[in-house]
Amino acid sequence: MIGCLFCKIVQKQIPANIVFEDKRVLAFEDVTPQAPVHILIIPKEHIPTVNDVTGEHRDIIMAMFEAAKVIAKEKNIAYQGYRLVLNTNSEAGQSVFHIHMHLLGGRHMAWPPG
């Protein structure tokens, strides 16, 4: 989508510290990390919000979770624990309208989160 920050990262028009990439997803370090490990995992296809996900996106969503597992192992947080977060719409904290999964770890996570 024209003007989408994450689409521009996918197209390599904007630099990012990429930690994972395959044919469906891209993952990069968050520029304002909220934990020692804070990675954003995004689909290469533009999907604005979780409300826009359909059955046709099943493989993309699965690829996001598979990427999270791989990255967590690479960052040595897979066994101590990590959190996956998907915010939907402004009131939940979504600021870029291209779905993205936050992978957070490397410290104790409190509950409730918000």
Protein backbone atom coordinates (compact mmCIF):
# COMPACT_ATOMS: atom_id res chain seq x y z
CA MET A 1 0.00 0.00 0.00
CA ILE A 2 1.32 3.44 -0.92
CA GLY A 3 2.58 5.35 2.09
CA CYS A 4 2.64 2.39 4.47
CA LEU A 5 5.80 2.46 6.59
CA PHE A 6 6.01 -1.34 6.86
CA CYS A 7 5.39 -1.85 3.13
CA LYS A 8 8.33 0.48 2.51
CA ILE A 9 10.48 -1.63 4.84
CA VAL A 10 9.40 -4.79 2.96
CA GLN A 11 10.35 -3.09 -0.32
CA LYS A 12 13.72 -2.03 1.22
CA GLN A 13 12.88 1.64 0.66
CA ILE A 14 13.38 2.33 4.38
CA PRO A 15 16.25 0.69 6.28
CA ALA A 16 15.59 -1.66 9.18
CA ASN A 17 17.70 -4.07 11.20
CA ILE A 18 16.23 -7.24 9.66
CA VAL A 19 16.62 -10.39 11.75
CA PHE A 20 14.47 -12.80 9.69
CA GLU A 21 13.01 -12.96 6.19
CA ASP A 22 11.31 -15.57 4.08
CA LYS A 23 8.84 -15.41 1.18
CA ARG A 24 5.87 -14.48 3.41
CA VAL A 25 7.20 -12.49 6.37
CA LEU A 26 9.89 -10.05 7.45
CA ALA A 27 11.08 -9.41 11.01
CA PHE A 28 13.13 -6.51 12.29
CA GLU A 29 14.17 -4.85 15.53
CA ASP A 30 11.73 -2.31 16.96
CA VAL A 31 13.20 1.22 16.93
CA THR A 32 11.68 1.93 20.36
CA PRO A 33 12.20 -1.39 22.19
CA GLN A 34 10.10 -2.14 25.25
CA ALA A 35 12.22 -5.14 26.28
CA PRO A 36 15.80 -6.34 25.73
CA VAL A 37 14.45 -8.33 22.76
CA HIS A 38 11.73 -6.50 20.82
CA ILE A 39 11.19 -7.69 17.27
CA LEU A 40 8.36 -6.80 14.90
CA ILE A 41 7.17 -9.62 12.65
CA ILE A 42 5.16 -8.45 9.64
CA PRO A 43 3.59 -10.11 6.62
CA LYS A 44 4.99 -9.00 3.29
CA GLU A 45 1.41 -8.63 2.08
CA HIS A 46 -0.32 -5.48 3.31
CA ILE A 47 -3.10 -6.39 5.75
CA PRO A 48 -4.24 -3.31 7.72
CA THR A 49 -5.60 -4.87 10.94
CA VAL A 50 -6.41 -8.24 12.46
CA ASN A 51 -10.04 -7.45 11.54
CA ASP A 52 -8.99 -7.72 7.89
CA VAL A 53 -7.51 -11.22 8.23
CA THR A 54 -9.44 -13.92 6.34
CA GLY A 55 -9.07 -17.62 5.78
CA GLU A 56 -6.97 -16.79 2.73
CA HIS A 57 -4.31 -15.42 5.09
CA ARG A 58 -3.95 -18.68 7.03
CA ASP A 59 -0.48 -19.45 5.63
CA ILE A 60 0.76 -15.92 6.28
CA ILE A 61 -0.42 -15.94 9.90
CA MET A 62 1.15 -19.36 10.46
CA ALA A 63 4.40 -18.06 8.93
CA MET A 64 4.40 -15.20 11.45
CA PHE A 65 4.17 -17.66 14.36
CA GLU A 66 6.83 -19.91 12.83
CA ALA A 67 9.13 -16.90 12.45
CA ALA A 68 8.53 -16.00 16.11
CA LYS A 69 9.65 -19.47 17.20
CA VAL A 70 12.82 -19.31 15.08
CA ILE A 71 13.72 -15.81 16.27
CA ALA A 72 13.07 -16.67 19.92
CA LYS A 73 15.50 -19.58 19.63
CA GLU A 74 18.10 -17.41 17.88
CA LYS A 75 17.77 -14.72 20.59
CA ASN A 76 18.03 -17.36 23.36
CA ILE A 77 14.64 -16.56 24.88
CA ALA A 78 12.63 -19.55 23.65
CA TYR A 79 12.89 -21.51 26.87
CA GLN A 80 12.91 -18.74 29.49
CA GLY A 81 9.80 -17.24 27.88
CA TYR A 82 8.61 -14.52 25.54
CA ARG A 83 5.45 -12.64 24.73
CA LEU A 84 3.70 -12.21 21.37
CA VAL A 85 1.40 -9.20 20.99
CA LEU A 86 -0.90 -8.11 18.16
CA ASN A 87 -2.61 -4.75 18.68
CA THR A 88 -5.75 -4.01 16.68
CA ASN A 89 -6.78 -0.42 15.97
CA SER A 90 -5.82 2.82 17.69
CA GLU A 91 -7.35 2.29 21.12
CA ALA A 92 -5.39 -0.95 21.52
CA GLY A 93 -2.15 0.80 20.55
CA GLN A 94 -1.85 0.00 16.84
CA SER A 95 0.03 2.94 15.31
CA VAL A 96 1.02 1.41 11.95
CA PHE A 97 -1.92 -0.05 10.07
CA HIS A 98 -0.15 -3.07 8.65
CA ILE A 99 -0.56 -6.04 10.99
CA HIS A 100 2.51 -6.78 13.03
CA MET A 101 3.36 -9.11 15.85
CA HIS A 102 5.59 -7.86 18.66
CA LEU A 103 7.98 -10.50 19.99
CA LEU A 104 9.14 -9.35 23.44
CA GLY A 105 11.54 -11.09 25.78
CA GLY A 106 14.74 -11.00 27.75
CA ARG A 107 13.10 -9.83 30.99
CA HIS A 108 10.24 -10.82 33.29
CA MET A 109 6.88 -9.82 31.85
CA ALA A 110 4.22 -8.59 34.30
CA TRP A 111 0.50 -9.27 33.98
CA PRO A 112 -1.82 -7.61 33.18
CA PRO A 113 0.17 -5.90 30.46
CA GLY A 114 -1.87 -2.73 29.98
